[in-house]
């Protein structure tokens, strides 16, 4: 255990115990007055302290605020990465009806025997999407697109929230004197 010195406070005339390791630092007296610990040479001219408790001048290296800041930044990075991945995975719309294919179908219909015409028309109507009702692939695409937008919005919203939290934690840090 190192020797403690009694540093007098000019405001309250109370002595605060300091060690040689605290030379040059600023500490706070019990009355609230900030005291500057003198250099080692001047510190040796002070009387020894009877108290063995050193004055706390440093905060712990890792605080809860630092852990929360790190967690918020990690969450922002992960959510941003997920949002970026989802952005690249946008659903592909179903293929549109080719007008040239429709013209070929009309030509085939002209030359087709009557008994095959109805089946051919039903095939074109239901498979090629000539009806006003959306096809199953269009319905599935719209549903997939809605789900994709929700997922992307949630991922980027979470990234923004985590970034804002990290910013608040960073701006809310104690200022040094």
Protein backbone atom coordinates (compact mmCIF):
# COMPACT_ATOMS: atom_id res chain seq x y z
CA UNK A 1 0.00 0.00 0.00
CA UNK A 2 1.41 3.40 -0.97
CA UNK A 3 1.77 6.32 1.38
CA UNK A 4 -1.06 8.88 1.41
CA UNK A 5 -0.62 12.63 1.68
CA UNK A 6 -3.09 15.12 3.21
CA UNK A 7 -4.10 17.68 0.56
CA UNK A 8 -5.76 20.69 2.27
CA UNK A 9 -8.89 22.23 0.75
CA UNK A 10 -8.85 26.06 0.68
CA UNK A 11 -12.67 26.20 0.84
CA UNK A 12 -13.40 24.00 3.87
CA UNK A 13 -9.94 23.46 5.43
CA UNK A 14 -10.54 19.70 5.32
CA UNK A 15 -7.68 17.43 4.23
CA UNK A 16 -8.23 14.87 1.46
CA UNK A 17 -6.01 11.79 1.25
CA UNK A 18 -4.14 11.50 -2.05
CA UNK A 19 -1.46 9.13 -3.29
CA UNK A 20 1.64 9.79 -5.35
CA UNK A 21 -0.07 8.10 -8.31
CA UNK A 22 -2.60 10.94 -8.37
CA UNK A 23 0.03 13.68 -8.86
CA UNK A 24 -1.12 16.24 -11.43
CA UNK A 25 -4.76 15.06 -11.44
CA UNK A 26 -7.85 16.97 -10.39
CA UNK A 27 -9.94 15.55 -7.56
CA UNK A 28 -13.14 16.71 -5.84
CA UNK A 29 -13.20 17.49 -2.14
CA UNK A 30 -16.13 16.38 0.04
CA UNK A 31 -17.37 20.00 -0.01
CA UNK A 32 -17.48 19.96 -3.85
CA UNK A 33 -14.40 22.10 -4.46
CA UNK A 34 -12.08 20.87 -7.22
CA UNK A 35 -8.53 20.37 -6.05
CA UNK A 36 -5.46 19.93 -8.21
CA UNK A 37 -3.02 17.41 -6.76
CA UNK A 38 0.48 18.92 -6.93
CA UNK A 39 3.41 17.33 -8.72
CA UNK A 40 5.48 14.62 -7.01
CA UNK A 41 8.12 17.09 -5.80
CA UNK A 42 5.54 19.40 -4.18
CA UNK A 43 3.44 16.45 -2.98
CA UNK A 44 6.33 15.28 -0.75
CA UNK A 45 6.19 18.57 1.15
CA UNK A 46 2.62 17.83 2.34
CA UNK A 47 2.00 16.03 5.67
CA UNK A 48 1.16 12.34 5.64
CA UNK A 49 -2.49 11.37 5.89
CA UNK A 50 -3.88 9.20 8.67
CA UNK A 51 -6.66 8.00 6.34
CA UNK A 52 -5.95 4.98 4.20
CA UNK A 53 -8.82 5.59 1.75
CA UNK A 54 -7.68 7.24 -1.51
CA UNK A 55 -9.83 9.89 -3.14
CA UNK A 56 -11.64 8.57 -6.21
CA UNK A 57 -10.63 10.58 -9.25
CA UNK A 58 -11.10 8.12 -12.07
CA UNK A 59 -14.25 6.47 -13.24
CA UNK A 60 -14.12 2.76 -14.00
CA UNK A 61 -12.76 2.07 -17.47
CA UNK A 62 -15.91 0.27 -18.65
CA UNK A 63 -19.29 1.59 -17.51
CA UNK A 64 -22.83 0.50 -18.22
CA UNK A 65 -23.15 3.46 -20.62
CA UNK A 66 -20.23 2.13 -22.65
CA UNK A 67 -21.81 -1.32 -22.80
CA UNK A 68 -25.15 0.16 -23.91
CA UNK A 69 -23.41 2.30 -26.54
CA UNK A 70 -21.54 -0.72 -27.90
CA UNK A 71 -24.71 -2.83 -27.92
CA UNK A 72 -26.64 -0.08 -29.75
CA UNK A 73 -23.92 0.28 -32.37
CA UNK A 74 -23.74 -3.50 -32.88
CA UNK A 75 -27.53 -3.64 -33.20
CA UNK A 76 -27.45 -0.79 -35.73
CA UNK A 77 -24.79 -2.59 -37.76
CA UNK A 78 -26.69 -5.90 -37.72
CA UNK A 79 -30.04 -4.28 -38.55
CA UNK A 80 -28.42 -2.22 -41.31
CA UNK A 81 -26.84 -5.38 -42.73
CA UNK A 82 -30.17 -7.20 -42.64
CA UNK A 83 -31.82 -4.21 -44.32
CA UNK A 84 -29.14 -4.21 -47.02
CA UNK A 85 -29.61 -7.93 -47.61
CA UNK A 86 -33.39 -7.55 -47.80
CA UNK A 87 -32.97 -4.67 -50.23
CA UNK A 88 -31.12 -6.99 -52.62
CA UNK A 89 -33.80 -9.68 -52.25
CA UNK A 90 -36.74 -7.73 -53.69
CA UNK A 91 -39.31 -10.08 -55.24
CA UNK A 92 -39.25 -10.36 -59.03
CA UNK A 93 -42.54 -9.46 -60.74
CA UNK A 94 -44.18 -12.13 -62.89
CA UNK A 95 -43.50 -12.01 -66.62
CA UNK A 96 -45.89 -9.87 -68.63
CA UNK A 97 -47.83 -11.28 -71.56
CA UNK A 98 -45.85 -11.06 -74.75
CA UNK A 99 -47.83 -9.38 -77.56
CA UNK A 100 -46.02 -11.45 -80.18
CA UNK A 101 -47.07 -14.62 -78.38
CA UNK A 102 -50.66 -13.37 -78.40
CA UNK A 103 -50.48 -12.74 -82.16
CA UNK A 104 -49.17 -16.29 -82.71
CA UNK A 105 -52.01 -17.67 -80.57
CA UNK A 106 -54.54 -15.74 -82.66
CA UNK A 107 -53.05 -17.24 -85.85
CA UNK A 108 -53.22 -20.75 -84.41
CA UNK A 109 -56.82 -20.10 -83.39
CA UNK A 110 -57.71 -19.16 -86.97
CA UNK A 111 -56.40 -22.46 -88.38
CA UNK A 112 -57.50 -24.72 -85.52
CA UNK A 113 -60.41 -27.16 -85.83
CA UNK A 114 -63.54 -26.06 -83.98
CA UNK A 115 -63.44 -28.83 -81.37
CA UNK A 116 -59.96 -27.70 -80.18
CA UNK A 117 -60.78 -24.00 -80.10
CA UNK A 118 -62.58 -24.00 -76.76
CA UNK A 119 -59.81 -25.89 -74.95
CA UNK A 120 -57.18 -23.68 -76.51
CA UNK A 121 -59.06 -20.56 -75.45
CA UNK A 122 -59.40 -21.81 -71.86
CA UNK A 123 -55.69 -22.58 -71.80
CA UNK A 124 -54.77 -19.08 -73.03
CA UNK A 125 -57.30 -17.44 -70.75
CA UNK A 126 -56.09 -19.10 -67.56
CA UNK A 127 -52.39 -19.66 -68.26
CA UNK A 128 -51.46 -16.46 -70.04
CA UNK A 129 -53.42 -14.04 -67.86
CA UNK A 130 -55.84 -12.56 -70.39
CA UNK A 131 -58.56 -12.32 -67.79
CA UNK A 132 -59.28 -9.23 -65.65
CA UNK A 133 -58.83 -11.18 -62.42
CA UNK A 134 -55.17 -11.26 -61.34
CA UNK A 135 -53.36 -14.53 -61.81
CA UNK A 136 -52.02 -16.52 -58.88
CA UNK A 137 -48.48 -15.43 -59.69
CA UNK A 138 -49.51 -11.76 -59.60
CA UNK A 139 -51.28 -12.22 -56.27
CA UNK A 140 -48.24 -14.04 -54.87
CA UNK A 141 -45.96 -11.27 -56.15
CA UNK A 142 -48.05 -8.54 -54.51
CA UNK A 143 -48.06 -10.44 -51.22
CA UNK A 144 -44.31 -11.05 -51.39
CA UNK A 145 -43.70 -7.39 -52.21
CA UNK A 146 -45.77 -6.24 -49.23
CA UNK A 147 -43.93 -8.62 -46.90
CA UNK A 148 -40.58 -7.47 -48.30
CA UNK A 149 -41.48 -3.81 -47.71
CA UNK A 150 -42.50 -4.53 -44.12
CA UNK A 151 -39.31 -6.48 -43.41
CA UNK A 152 -37.14 -3.83 -45.01
CA UNK A 153 -38.91 -1.06 -43.11
CA UNK A 154 -38.53 -2.89 -39.81
CA UNK A 155 -34.84 -3.63 -40.38
CA UNK A 156 -33.97 -0.07 -41.37
CA UNK A 157 -36.22 1.38 -38.67
CA UNK A 158 -34.43 -0.74 -36.08
CA UNK A 159 -31.08 0.39 -37.47
CA UNK A 160 -32.19 4.02 -37.22
CA UNK A 161 -33.47 3.55 -33.68
CA UNK A 162 -30.25 1.87 -32.58
CA UNK A 163 -28.19 4.61 -34.21
CA UNK A 164 -30.28 7.30 -32.49
CA UNK A 165 -29.87 5.51 -29.16
CA UNK A 166 -26.11 5.31 -29.67
CA UNK A 167 -26.06 9.01 -30.54
CA UNK A 168 -27.99 9.89 -27.38
CA UNK A 169 -25.63 7.80 -25.29
CA UNK A 170 -22.63 9.41 -26.97
CA UNK A 171 -23.95 12.97 -26.54
CA UNK A 172 -25.02 12.24 -22.99
CA UNK A 173 -21.50 11.38 -21.87
CA UNK A 174 -20.11 13.37 -18.95
CA UNK A 175 -17.88 16.26 -19.93
CA UNK A 176 -14.44 16.56 -18.41
CA UNK A 177 -13.48 19.82 -16.72
